[in-house]
Amino acid sequence: MIKERLSKQDLMKMYNVDRTTIEEWRRRFGLPMIEISSHSKYIRREDLLKWEDKMKRD
């Protein structure tokens, strides 16, 4: 089963934020991006939803 993946660009569009904000979320808030290379990162939709739920609770 293939899990839906969202790129950093997808997240930027979804949340209307820039690349710097996404990187800050990774560093400061543990956004679980998977890094393929320095220019290729993605997150599984299910991991994003879990992260959002955690951020709401904290």
C-alpha atoms as a PDB file:
ATOM      1  CA  MET A   1       0.000   0.000   0.000  1.00  0.00           C
ATOM      2  CA  ILE A   2       1.452   3.355  -1.038  1.00  0.00           C
ATOM      3  CA  LYS A   3       1.031   6.141   1.491  1.00  0.00           C
ATOM      4  CA  GLU A   4       0.192   9.603   0.191  1.00  0.00           C
ATOM      5  CA  ARG A   5       3.205  11.895   0.383  1.00  0.00           C
ATOM      6  CA  LEU A   6       3.234  15.660   0.574  1.00  0.00           C
ATOM      7  CA  SER A   7       6.260  17.678  -0.499  1.00  0.00           C
ATOM      8  CA  LYS A   8       7.595  20.722   1.279  1.00  0.00           C
ATOM      9  CA  GLN A   9       6.057  22.763  -1.554  1.00  0.00           C
ATOM     10  CA  ASP A  10       2.667  21.131  -0.861  1.00  0.00           C
ATOM     11  CA  LEU A  11       2.927  22.160   2.799  1.00  0.00           C
ATOM     12  CA  MET A  12       3.889  25.704   1.841  1.00  0.00           C
ATOM     13  CA  LYS A  13       0.729  25.970  -0.265  1.00  0.00           C
ATOM     14  CA  MET A  14      -1.523  24.249   2.304  1.00  0.00           C
ATOM     15  CA  TYR A  15      -0.481  26.500   5.195  1.00  0.00           C
ATOM     16  CA  ASN A  16       0.389  29.607   3.145  1.00  0.00           C
ATOM     17  CA  VAL A  17       3.887  29.788   4.643  1.00  0.00           C
ATOM     18  CA  ASP A  18       7.391  29.996   3.225  1.00  0.00           C
ATOM     19  CA  ARG A  19      10.223  27.466   3.154  1.00  0.00           C
ATOM     20  CA  THR A  20      11.843  28.995   6.247  1.00  0.00           C
ATOM     21  CA  THR A  21       8.696  28.383   8.305  1.00  0.00           C
ATOM     22  CA  ILE A  22       8.559  24.718   7.281  1.00  0.00           C
ATOM     23  CA  GLU A  23      12.217  24.298   8.283  1.00  0.00           C
ATOM     24  CA  GLU A  24      11.523  25.991  11.624  1.00  0.00           C
ATOM     25  CA  TRP A  25       8.613  23.610  12.225  1.00  0.00           C
ATOM     26  CA  ARG A  26      11.012  20.720  11.559  1.00  0.00           C
ATOM     27  CA  ARG A  27      13.658  22.006  13.967  1.00  0.00           C
ATOM     28  CA  ARG A  28      11.551  23.511  16.753  1.00  0.00           C
ATOM     29  CA  PHE A  29       8.359  21.477  16.654  1.00  0.00           C
ATOM     30  CA  GLY A  30       9.421  18.093  15.284  1.00  0.00           C
ATOM     31  CA  LEU A  31       7.594  18.140  11.944  1.00  0.00           C
ATOM     32  CA  PRO A  32       8.470  14.622  10.723  1.00  0.00           C
ATOM     33  CA  MET A  33       9.756  15.332   7.197  1.00  0.00           C
ATOM     34  CA  ILE A  34      11.615  12.546   5.407  1.00  0.00           C
ATOM     35  CA  GLU A  35      14.740  13.870   3.725  1.00  0.00           C
ATOM     36  CA  ILE A  36      15.645  12.164   0.457  1.00  0.00           C
ATOM     37  CA  SER A  37      18.305  14.782  -0.355  1.00  0.00           C
ATOM     38  CA  SER A  38      18.979  18.372   0.666  1.00  0.00           C
ATOM     39  CA  HIS A  39      16.493  19.449  -2.022  1.00  0.00           C
ATOM     40  CA  SER A  40      13.932  16.664  -1.691  1.00  0.00           C
ATOM     41  CA  LYS A  41      11.820  16.305   1.437  1.00  0.00           C
ATOM     42  CA  TYR A  42       8.347  14.959   2.016  1.00  0.00           C
ATOM     43  CA  ILE A  43       5.946  13.901   4.734  1.00  0.00           C
ATOM     44  CA  ARG A  44       3.337  11.154   4.754  1.00  0.00           C
ATOM     45  CA  ARG A  45      -0.172  12.603   5.076  1.00  0.00           C
ATOM     46  CA  GLU A  46      -0.912  10.352   8.062  1.00  0.00           C
ATOM     47  CA  ASP A  47       2.237  11.603   9.842  1.00  0.00           C
ATOM     48  CA  LEU A  48       1.228  15.200   9.153  1.00  0.00           C
ATOM     49  CA  LEU A  49      -2.213  14.609  10.692  1.00  0.00           C
ATOM     50  CA  LYS A  50      -0.645  13.014  13.784  1.00  0.00           C
ATOM     51  CA  TRP A  51       1.758  15.973  14.091  1.00  0.00           C
ATOM     52  CA  GLU A  52      -1.123  18.464  13.779  1.00  0.00           C
ATOM     53  CA  ASP A  53      -3.074  16.637  16.511  1.00  0.00           C
ATOM     54  CA  LYS A  54      -0.013  16.676  18.788  1.00  0.00           C
ATOM     55  CA  MET A  55       0.498  20.407  18.204  1.00  0.00           C
ATOM     56  CA  LYS A  56      -3.139  21.087  19.095  1.00  0.00           C
ATOM     57  CA  ARG A  57      -2.789  19.188  22.394  1.00  0.00           C
ATOM     58  CA  ASP A  58       0.517  20.795  23.451  1.00  0.00           C
END
